[in-house]
């Protein structure tokens, strides 16, 4: 007797070439998922049918632009599986174009959309690779819009694995808020739906006793809680999100990533992420990430 759809969990991993899909797949293997890499979309439904007969409970599949001509099939396939009761999660790995260019140049790998080898002129090769990356973004845009996005531009593989595992452990069938602190000096996360700049707030960095601490530490928390502007910023962000979250949930959003940035990503942004997570966790599923501190957690 095939396993009922409602007892199966499917995770689809897709994203930009060079963004870390193989790392994400290994993280799911660690969680006990049966993983299949580079599956053509035409084989998705037959594979699920087969794995149901084998009573596979957790299935992870990676698809990429090598199946570009058939990728438009995927959204309707996933919608059908959801109507049959299956838990379906979509994860999109992204990275900045500059990061992808650097990674391909360092590894000397060929991009799957690159044309025949260009003459040995670095400028021509660079331009051809940049064009391939732009085309890939266009081809994957529909899948990206329907997925939870993780920006792997400047995080380590261990951080990416932790992000993936926290994503899988988040509650199903409800909107999940992802709060992420970051440093503006290292770039804005590509996965952010909302970005709040808190660099105008009083900075604990200039207090010698607080400089080496973080927004998770008691002395920094005490310092920031005494600042009226910090509380005002917290109230404004909380009020904005609280007003619009129901509308986003009613619009079938599964994940909303809120990025809070300060100069170093160590004090103010970390503090505000911790405070926002505590405010929303009683009512919504939440995840928190401190990009510069390599900390990942759930409510």
Protein backbone atom coordinates (compact mmCIF):
# COMPACT_ATOMS: atom_id res chain seq x y z
CA UNK A 1 0.00 0.00 0.00
CA UNK A 2 1.58 3.35 -1.00
CA UNK A 3 2.31 5.80 1.78
CA UNK A 4 -0.38 8.53 2.07
CA UNK A 5 0.69 11.87 0.64
CA UNK A 6 0.00 13.60 3.96
CA UNK A 7 2.73 11.54 5.63
CA UNK A 8 5.41 12.68 3.16
CA UNK A 9 7.60 15.77 3.26
CA UNK A 10 9.12 17.06 0.03
CA UNK A 11 11.80 19.74 -0.07
CA UNK A 12 12.66 21.24 -3.43
CA UNK A 13 16.06 22.94 -3.62
CA UNK A 14 16.81 25.18 -6.53
CA UNK A 15 18.76 28.36 -7.12
CA UNK A 16 21.69 29.93 -8.86
CA UNK A 17 24.59 27.81 -10.06
CA UNK A 18 27.42 28.19 -7.57
CA UNK A 19 25.16 29.32 -4.71
CA UNK A 20 25.56 26.21 -2.55
CA UNK A 21 22.80 23.78 -3.54
CA UNK A 22 25.06 20.78 -2.93
CA UNK A 23 25.81 22.08 0.58
CA UNK A 24 22.07 22.43 1.25
CA UNK A 25 21.44 18.93 -0.03
CA UNK A 26 24.09 17.51 2.31
CA UNK A 27 22.40 19.28 5.23
CA UNK A 28 19.15 17.52 4.35
CA UNK A 29 20.94 14.19 4.11
CA UNK A 30 22.11 14.80 7.68
CA UNK A 31 18.45 15.20 8.66
CA UNK A 32 17.54 11.84 7.15
CA UNK A 33 16.11 12.97 3.82
CA UNK A 34 16.46 10.80 0.74
CA UNK A 35 18.17 13.20 -1.66
CA UNK A 36 18.21 13.33 -5.45
CA UNK A 37 20.37 15.86 -7.27
CA UNK A 38 19.64 17.42 -10.68
CA UNK A 39 16.30 15.70 -11.21
CA UNK A 40 14.55 16.65 -14.48
CA UNK A 41 11.10 18.06 -13.67
CA UNK A 42 9.45 15.43 -15.91
CA UNK A 43 10.60 12.78 -13.44
CA UNK A 44 9.33 14.48 -10.28
CA UNK A 45 5.88 12.87 -10.16
CA UNK A 46 7.10 9.38 -11.17
CA UNK A 47 9.81 9.56 -8.48
CA UNK A 48 7.30 10.53 -5.79
CA UNK A 49 5.02 7.71 -6.88
CA UNK A 50 7.92 5.27 -6.60
CA UNK A 51 9.04 6.58 -3.20
CA UNK A 52 5.49 6.32 -1.86
CA UNK A 53 5.57 2.60 -2.57
CA UNK A 54 8.93 2.46 -0.74
CA UNK A 55 7.40 4.35 2.20
CA UNK A 56 9.96 7.16 2.01
CA UNK A 57 8.83 9.86 4.42
CA UNK A 58 11.35 12.62 3.67
CA UNK A 59 12.40 13.42 0.13
CA UNK A 60 14.70 16.25 -1.02
CA UNK A 61 15.18 17.09 -4.69
CA UNK A 62 17.55 19.56 -6.29
CA UNK A 63 16.69 21.08 -9.65
CA UNK A 64 18.59 23.73 -11.54
CA UNK A 65 18.81 25.61 -14.78
CA UNK A 66 20.13 22.57 -16.63
CA UNK A 67 16.44 21.63 -16.87
CA UNK A 68 15.47 25.11 -18.04
CA UNK A 69 13.06 24.02 -20.77
CA UNK A 70 10.92 22.01 -18.34
CA UNK A 71 11.18 24.16 -15.19
CA UNK A 72 7.83 25.84 -15.96
CA UNK A 73 6.22 22.49 -15.10
CA UNK A 74 7.34 22.66 -11.48
CA UNK A 75 4.92 25.21 -9.91
CA UNK A 76 1.84 23.29 -11.07
CA UNK A 77 3.38 19.99 -9.94
CA UNK A 78 4.03 21.36 -6.47
CA UNK A 79 0.54 22.85 -6.27
CA UNK A 80 -0.95 19.45 -7.13
CA UNK A 81 1.10 17.71 -4.44
CA UNK A 82 -0.03 20.26 -1.86
CA UNK A 83 -3.69 19.71 -2.72
CA UNK A 84 -3.09 15.98 -2.15
CA UNK A 85 -1.94 16.75 1.39
CA UNK A 86 1.85 16.57 1.03
CA UNK A 87 4.05 18.98 2.97
CA UNK A 88 6.05 20.81 0.30
CA UNK A 89 8.81 23.31 1.06
CA UNK A 90 10.76 25.22 -1.58
CA UNK A 91 14.23 26.57 -0.91
CA UNK A 92 16.04 28.91 -3.30
CA UNK A 93 19.79 29.43 -2.89
CA UNK A 94 20.96 32.81 -4.16
CA UNK A 95 24.14 34.88 -4.18
CA UNK A 96 25.21 38.21 -5.60
CA UNK A 97 26.37 38.24 -9.20
CA UNK A 98 29.83 39.43 -8.12
CA UNK A 99 30.10 36.48 -5.75
CA UNK A 100 29.05 34.01 -8.43
CA UNK A 101 31.50 35.50 -10.90
CA UNK A 102 34.29 35.14 -8.38
CA UNK A 103 33.38 31.55 -7.50
CA UNK A 104 33.27 30.43 -11.12
CA UNK A 105 36.55 32.20 -11.84
CA UNK A 106 38.27 30.62 -8.83
CA UNK A 107 37.06 27.08 -9.55
CA UNK A 108 37.33 27.43 -13.35
CA UNK A 109 34.01 25.62 -13.65
CA UNK A 110 31.83 26.27 -16.67
CA UNK A 111 28.45 27.81 -16.08
CA UNK A 112 25.68 25.49 -17.35
CA UNK A 113 24.32 28.27 -19.58
CA UNK A 114 27.66 29.34 -20.98
CA UNK A 115 28.07 29.05 -24.72
CA UNK A 116 30.94 27.40 -26.50
CA UNK A 117 34.31 28.34 -25.10
CA UNK A 118 35.28 31.87 -25.96
CA UNK A 119 38.76 32.77 -27.18
CA UNK A 120 41.26 33.09 -24.40
CA UNK A 121 40.52 36.70 -23.58
CA UNK A 122 39.59 37.29 -19.95
CA UNK A 123 37.31 40.24 -20.75
CA UNK A 124 35.25 38.17 -23.20
CA UNK A 125 35.03 35.25 -20.78
CA UNK A 126 33.98 37.54 -17.93
CA UNK A 127 31.26 39.13 -20.06
CA UNK A 128 29.98 35.75 -21.26
CA UNK A 129 29.79 34.47 -17.67
CA UNK A 130 27.99 37.60 -16.49
CA UNK A 131 25.45 37.20 -19.30
CA UNK A 132 24.90 33.55 -18.36
CA UNK A 133 24.25 34.50 -14.73
CA UNK A 134 21.76 37.21 -15.77
CA UNK A 135 19.93 34.71 -18.01
CA UNK A 136 19.82 32.17 -15.20
CA UNK A 137 18.21 34.71 -12.87
CA UNK A 138 15.54 35.37 -15.46
CA UNK A 139 14.81 31.68 -16.03
CA UNK A 140 14.55 30.93 -12.30
CA UNK A 141 12.60 34.04 -11.29
CA UNK A 142 9.23 32.28 -10.99
CA UNK A 143 10.63 29.57 -8.73
CA UNK A 144 12.42 32.17 -6.63
CA UNK A 145 9.18 34.09 -6.08
CA UNK A 146 7.54 30.97 -4.62
CA UNK A 147 10.43 29.86 -2.40
CA UNK A 148 12.19 30.75 0.80
CA UNK A 149 15.39 32.48 -0.29
CA UNK A 150 18.76 32.10 1.43
CA UNK A 151 21.58 34.42 0.37
CA UNK A 152 24.85 32.50 0.51
CA UNK A 153 27.05 35.36 -0.72
CA UNK A 154 29.19 35.82 2.37
CA UNK A 155 28.22 33.02 4.75
CA UNK A 156 30.31 29.94 5.38
CA UNK A 157 29.11 26.43 4.38
CA UNK A 158 28.49 25.59 8.04
CA UNK A 159 26.24 28.64 8.36
CA UNK A 160 24.36 27.67 5.22
CA UNK A 161 23.81 24.16 6.57
CA UNK A 162 22.50 25.64 9.82
CA UNK A 163 20.14 27.96 7.90
CA UNK A 164 18.77 25.00 5.92
CA UNK A 165 18.22 22.89 9.02
CA UNK A 166 16.40 25.71 10.82
CA UNK A 167 14.24 26.22 7.72
CA UNK A 168 13.24 22.55 7.74
CA UNK A 169 12.44 22.59 11.45
CA UNK A 170 10.16 25.63 11.19
CA UNK A 171 6.42 24.96 11.65
CA UNK A 172 4.52 24.04 8.52
CA UNK A 173 1.41 25.65 7.02
CA UNK A 174 1.83 29.12 8.46
CA UNK A 175 3.77 32.26 7.70
CA UNK A 176 7.24 32.25 9.22
CA UNK A 177 9.08 35.45 10.10
CA UNK A 178 12.84 35.38 9.59
CA UNK A 179 14.73 38.09 11.47
CA UNK A 180 18.30 38.62 10.31
CA UNK A 181 20.97 41.01 11.58
CA UNK A 182 23.76 42.09 9.26
CA UNK A 183 26.57 44.59 8.71
CA UNK A 184 26.11 47.16 5.96
CA UNK A 185 29.85 47.17 5.42
CA UNK A 186 29.56 43.55 4.20
CA UNK A 187 26.51 44.10 2.01
CA UNK A 188 22.73 43.88 2.26
CA UNK A 189 21.36 40.29 2.24
CA UNK A 190 19.81 39.37 -1.10
CA UNK A 191 17.13 37.31 0.64
CA UNK A 192 15.58 40.25 2.55
CA UNK A 193 11.95 41.23 1.96
CA UNK A 194 12.30 44.26 4.23
CA UNK A 195 15.51 46.08 5.20
CA UNK A 196 15.73 48.46 8.15
CA UNK A 197 18.79 50.67 8.58
CA UNK A 198 19.53 51.33 12.27
CA UNK A 199 22.95 52.97 11.87
CA UNK A 200 21.59 56.28 13.20
CA UNK A 201 21.04 54.78 16.67
CA UNK A 202 23.55 55.18 19.54
CA UNK A 203 26.42 52.78 18.95
CA UNK A 204 27.80 50.63 21.82
CA UNK A 205 31.00 50.24 19.79
CA UNK A 206 32.15 53.59 21.11
CA UNK A 207 31.83 52.42 24.71
CA UNK A 208 35.16 50.67 25.49
CA UNK A 209 33.56 48.21 27.92
CA UNK A 210 30.96 47.17 25.31
CA UNK A 211 33.05 47.11 22.14
CA UNK A 212 33.87 43.40 22.21
CA UNK A 213 30.39 42.29 23.33
CA UNK A 214 27.30 41.70 21.19
CA UNK A 215 23.65 42.64 21.24
CA UNK A 216 22.95 39.36 23.04
CA UNK A 217 25.05 40.33 26.07
CA UNK A 218 23.54 41.89 29.18
CA UNK A 219 25.62 45.09 29.34
CA UNK A 220 24.85 45.93 25.70
CA UNK A 221 21.17 45.17 26.24
CA UNK A 222 21.13 47.46 29.30
CA UNK A 223 22.86 50.23 27.34
CA UNK A 224 20.46 50.07 24.38
CA UNK A 225 17.33 49.75 26.51
CA UNK A 226 18.17 53.13 28.05
CA UNK A 227 18.22 54.84 24.64
CA UNK A 228 14.87 56.41 23.73
CA UNK A 229 15.60 56.29 19.99
CA UNK A 230 16.32 52.56 20.13
CA UNK A 231 12.95 51.87 21.76
CA UNK A 232 11.27 54.19 19.26
CA UNK A 233 12.85 52.29 16.35
CA UNK A 234 11.78 48.96 17.86
CA UNK A 235 8.21 50.23 18.25
CA UNK A 236 8.10 51.49 14.66
CA UNK A 237 9.37 48.24 13.13
CA UNK A 238 7.10 46.17 15.37
CA UNK A 239 4.09 48.31 14.50
CA UNK A 240 4.76 48.15 10.76
CA UNK A 241 5.12 44.37 10.71
CA UNK A 242 2.22 43.78 13.08
CA UNK A 243 -0.04 45.84 10.82
CA UNK A 244 0.84 44.01 7.58
CA UNK A 245 1.56 40.40 8.57
CA UNK A 246 -2.03 39.20 8.38
CA UNK A 247 -2.34 40.63 4.87
CA UNK A 248 0.87 38.89 3.80
CA UNK A 249 -0.29 35.61 5.31
CA UNK A 250 -3.63 35.93 3.52
CA UNK A 251 -1.67 36.45 0.30
CA UNK A 252 -0.21 32.95 0.80
CA UNK A 253 3.24 34.12 1.80
CA UNK A 254 5.13 31.36 3.59
CA UNK A 255 8.23 33.30 4.63
CA UNK A 256 8.98 36.97 5.25
CA UNK A 257 12.61 37.91 5.87
CA UNK A 258 13.22 41.10 7.84
CA UNK A 259 16.84 42.28 7.77
CA UNK A 260 18.11 44.74 10.38
CA UNK A 261 21.43 46.35 9.53
CA UNK A 262 23.97 48.41 11.44
CA UNK A 263 27.60 49.20 10.71
CA UNK A 264 29.25 46.06 12.09
CA UNK A 265 26.29 43.72 12.59
CA UNK A 266 27.34 43.12 16.19
CA UNK A 267 25.41 45.36 18.59
CA UNK A 268 22.35 47.36 17.49
CA UNK A 269 21.06 45.08 14.74
CA UNK A 270 21.61 41.97 16.87
CA UNK A 271 19.76 43.54 19.81
CA UNK A 272 16.79 44.53 17.65
CA UNK A 273 16.56 41.10 16.03
CA UNK A 274 16.49 39.50 19.48
CA UNK A 275 13.80 41.91 20.66
CA UNK A 276 11.64 41.52 17.56
CA UNK A 277 11.93 37.75 17.70
CA UNK A 278 10.74 37.81 21.32
CA UNK A 279 7.80 40.09 20.46
CA UNK A 280 6.53 38.03 17.52
CA UNK A 281 7.37 34.49 18.67
CA UNK A 282 4.21 34.08 20.80
CA UNK A 283 1.99 34.72 17.77
CA UNK A 284 3.99 33.70 14.69
CA UNK A 285 6.56 31.10 13.74
CA UNK A 286 9.94 32.82 13.81
CA UNK A 287 13.55 32.19 12.89
CA UNK A 288 16.47 34.42 13.79
CA UNK A 289 19.87 34.75 12.16
CA UNK A 290 22.88 36.84 13.08
CA UNK A 291 24.89 36.77 9.88
CA UNK A 292 28.07 38.28 11.29
CA UNK A 293 27.89 36.19 14.47
CA UNK A 294 27.08 32.89 12.71
CA UNK A 295 24.10 32.31 15.04
CA UNK A 296 20.90 30.62 13.91
CA UNK A 297 17.88 29.87 16.10
CA UNK A 298 14.17 29.31 16.31
CA UNK A 299 11.59 30.64 18.70
